[in-house]
N, C-alpha and C. Protein backbone atom coordinates (compact mmCIF):
# COMPACT_ATOMS: atom_id res chain seq x y z
N UNK A 1 50.24 -34.62 -11.59
CA UNK A 1 49.18 -34.37 -12.52
C UNK A 1 48.10 -33.53 -11.83
N UNK A 2 47.80 -32.38 -12.39
CA UNK A 2 46.80 -31.49 -11.82
C UNK A 2 45.41 -31.89 -12.30
N UNK A 3 44.45 -31.72 -11.41
CA UNK A 3 43.04 -31.98 -11.73
C UNK A 3 42.30 -30.67 -11.62
N UNK A 4 41.50 -30.34 -12.63
CA UNK A 4 40.70 -29.13 -12.62
C UNK A 4 39.23 -29.51 -12.60
N UNK A 5 38.49 -28.90 -11.69
CA UNK A 5 37.05 -29.12 -11.59
C UNK A 5 36.38 -27.76 -11.75
N UNK A 6 35.69 -27.57 -12.87
CA UNK A 6 35.02 -26.31 -13.11
C UNK A 6 33.70 -26.28 -12.36
N UNK A 7 33.53 -25.22 -11.59
CA UNK A 7 32.33 -25.04 -10.77
C UNK A 7 31.77 -23.65 -11.03
N UNK A 8 30.50 -23.43 -10.70
CA UNK A 8 29.95 -22.08 -10.85
C UNK A 8 30.77 -21.10 -10.02
N UNK A 9 31.25 -20.05 -10.65
CA UNK A 9 32.01 -19.03 -9.93
C UNK A 9 33.51 -19.21 -9.99
N UNK A 10 34.00 -20.34 -10.48
CA UNK A 10 35.45 -20.53 -10.55
C UNK A 10 35.86 -21.95 -10.81
N UNK A 11 37.14 -22.24 -10.57
CA UNK A 11 37.71 -23.55 -10.82
C UNK A 11 38.46 -24.03 -9.59
N UNK A 12 38.20 -25.26 -9.19
CA UNK A 12 38.93 -25.90 -8.10
C UNK A 12 40.03 -26.75 -8.72
N UNK A 13 41.26 -26.50 -8.32
CA UNK A 13 42.40 -27.27 -8.84
C UNK A 13 43.02 -28.08 -7.71
N UNK A 14 43.45 -29.29 -8.03
CA UNK A 14 44.11 -30.17 -7.07
C UNK A 14 45.48 -30.49 -7.64
N UNK A 15 46.53 -30.13 -6.89
CA UNK A 15 47.90 -30.27 -7.39
C UNK A 15 48.84 -30.73 -6.29
N UNK A 16 50.02 -31.21 -6.72
CA UNK A 16 51.14 -31.44 -5.82
C UNK A 16 51.94 -30.14 -5.74
N UNK A 17 52.78 -30.00 -4.72
CA UNK A 17 53.52 -28.76 -4.52
C UNK A 17 54.35 -28.39 -5.74
N UNK A 18 55.00 -29.35 -6.35
CA UNK A 18 55.88 -29.04 -7.49
C UNK A 18 55.12 -28.49 -8.69
N UNK A 19 53.80 -28.67 -8.71
CA UNK A 19 52.97 -28.18 -9.83
C UNK A 19 52.39 -26.80 -9.58
N UNK A 20 52.58 -26.26 -8.37
CA UNK A 20 51.99 -24.96 -8.05
C UNK A 20 52.65 -23.85 -8.83
N UNK A 21 51.83 -22.90 -9.28
CA UNK A 21 52.33 -21.71 -9.97
C UNK A 21 52.68 -20.65 -8.92
N UNK A 22 53.37 -19.61 -9.36
CA UNK A 22 53.84 -18.57 -8.45
C UNK A 22 52.73 -17.96 -7.60
N UNK A 23 51.58 -17.54 -8.19
CA UNK A 23 50.53 -16.95 -7.33
C UNK A 23 49.99 -17.94 -6.30
N UNK A 24 50.01 -19.23 -6.65
CA UNK A 24 49.53 -20.26 -5.73
C UNK A 24 50.52 -20.47 -4.59
N UNK A 25 51.80 -20.49 -4.90
CA UNK A 25 52.83 -20.65 -3.86
C UNK A 25 52.88 -19.44 -2.93
N UNK A 26 52.62 -18.26 -3.48
CA UNK A 26 52.64 -17.04 -2.68
C UNK A 26 51.30 -16.78 -2.00
N UNK A 27 50.36 -17.71 -2.16
CA UNK A 27 49.04 -17.65 -1.54
C UNK A 27 48.25 -16.40 -1.93
N UNK A 28 48.39 -15.96 -3.18
CA UNK A 28 47.57 -14.86 -3.68
C UNK A 28 46.15 -15.31 -3.97
N UNK A 29 45.96 -16.62 -4.10
CA UNK A 29 44.64 -17.22 -4.26
C UNK A 29 44.44 -18.17 -3.09
N UNK A 30 43.19 -18.49 -2.76
CA UNK A 30 42.96 -19.41 -1.64
C UNK A 30 43.56 -20.80 -1.90
N UNK A 31 44.39 -21.28 -0.95
CA UNK A 31 45.05 -22.57 -1.05
C UNK A 31 44.87 -23.31 0.26
N UNK A 32 44.55 -24.61 0.16
CA UNK A 32 44.40 -25.44 1.35
C UNK A 32 45.21 -26.71 1.13
N UNK A 33 46.03 -27.09 2.11
CA UNK A 33 46.86 -28.28 2.01
C UNK A 33 46.18 -29.44 2.73
N UNK A 34 46.08 -30.58 2.03
CA UNK A 34 45.55 -31.80 2.63
C UNK A 34 46.55 -32.92 2.33
N UNK A 35 47.36 -33.25 3.33
CA UNK A 35 48.42 -34.24 3.10
C UNK A 35 49.43 -33.68 2.14
N UNK A 36 49.66 -34.39 1.02
CA UNK A 36 50.61 -33.91 0.02
C UNK A 36 49.92 -33.20 -1.14
N UNK A 37 48.59 -33.02 -1.05
CA UNK A 37 47.84 -32.35 -2.10
C UNK A 37 47.48 -30.93 -1.70
N UNK A 38 47.40 -30.07 -2.68
CA UNK A 38 46.99 -28.69 -2.47
C UNK A 38 45.71 -28.45 -3.25
N UNK A 39 44.71 -27.88 -2.56
CA UNK A 39 43.45 -27.50 -3.19
C UNK A 39 43.50 -26.00 -3.42
N UNK A 40 43.34 -25.57 -4.67
CA UNK A 40 43.46 -24.17 -5.03
C UNK A 40 42.15 -23.71 -5.65
N UNK A 41 41.64 -22.56 -5.24
CA UNK A 41 40.41 -22.01 -5.79
C UNK A 41 40.74 -20.78 -6.62
N UNK A 42 40.47 -20.88 -7.93
CA UNK A 42 40.62 -19.75 -8.84
C UNK A 42 39.24 -19.23 -9.17
N UNK A 43 38.88 -18.10 -8.60
CA UNK A 43 37.57 -17.49 -8.82
C UNK A 43 37.53 -16.81 -10.19
N UNK A 44 36.40 -16.90 -10.87
CA UNK A 44 36.24 -16.19 -12.14
C UNK A 44 36.35 -14.69 -11.92
N UNK A 45 35.83 -14.17 -10.82
CA UNK A 45 35.93 -12.74 -10.51
C UNK A 45 37.37 -12.33 -10.29
N UNK A 46 38.14 -13.17 -9.64
CA UNK A 46 39.55 -12.88 -9.37
C UNK A 46 40.32 -12.73 -10.67
N UNK A 47 40.07 -13.60 -11.64
CA UNK A 47 40.77 -13.52 -12.92
C UNK A 47 40.48 -12.20 -13.62
N UNK A 48 39.23 -11.74 -13.57
CA UNK A 48 38.88 -10.48 -14.20
C UNK A 48 39.60 -9.33 -13.52
N UNK A 49 39.69 -9.34 -12.19
CA UNK A 49 40.37 -8.28 -11.46
C UNK A 49 41.86 -8.29 -11.80
N UNK A 50 42.48 -9.47 -11.89
CA UNK A 50 43.90 -9.55 -12.20
C UNK A 50 44.19 -9.01 -13.59
N UNK A 51 43.36 -9.34 -14.58
CA UNK A 51 43.62 -8.88 -15.94
C UNK A 51 43.43 -7.38 -16.05
N UNK A 52 42.47 -6.81 -15.29
CA UNK A 52 42.29 -5.36 -15.29
C UNK A 52 43.50 -4.66 -14.68
N UNK A 53 44.06 -5.25 -13.63
CA UNK A 53 45.21 -4.65 -12.95
C UNK A 53 46.45 -4.66 -13.84
N UNK A 54 46.52 -5.63 -14.76
CA UNK A 54 47.68 -5.74 -15.64
C UNK A 54 47.46 -5.01 -16.96
N UNK A 55 46.40 -4.24 -17.07
CA UNK A 55 46.15 -3.50 -18.29
C UNK A 55 45.20 -4.21 -19.23
N UNK A 56 44.60 -5.29 -18.79
CA UNK A 56 43.60 -5.98 -19.59
C UNK A 56 44.13 -6.60 -20.85
N UNK A 57 45.42 -6.87 -20.92
CA UNK A 57 45.99 -7.53 -22.08
C UNK A 57 46.27 -6.57 -23.23
N UNK A 58 46.18 -5.28 -22.99
CA UNK A 58 46.46 -4.33 -24.04
C UNK A 58 47.96 -4.20 -24.21
N UNK A 59 48.37 -3.81 -25.42
CA UNK A 59 49.78 -3.59 -25.67
C UNK A 59 50.51 -4.84 -26.14
N UNK A 60 49.78 -5.87 -26.51
CA UNK A 60 50.45 -7.08 -27.02
C UNK A 60 50.94 -6.83 -28.45
N UNK A 61 52.02 -7.46 -28.79
CA UNK A 61 52.53 -7.40 -30.16
C UNK A 61 51.70 -8.32 -31.04
N UNK A 62 51.44 -7.87 -32.25
CA UNK A 62 50.63 -8.68 -33.17
C UNK A 62 51.43 -9.13 -34.35
C-alpha cells in the first residue's frame, strides 16, 4: 500500500519495491531505500518538465 504525502513543491511517496513504477525503479526521480520501504520524491517542477518533453499531452484522441 503506497502512502502519498503532499508537500509544498511536490509529493513524497512511500512504497514497497513491488509498487514502484518504471521511472522510480530506473531512478529517474529521487529514491531513497530505508529497510524494505522506498521513499520517492515527485517534484511539481519535474512533472511539468516531463509533460513538456512528451509534447504536453497534445495529440490525444477525443
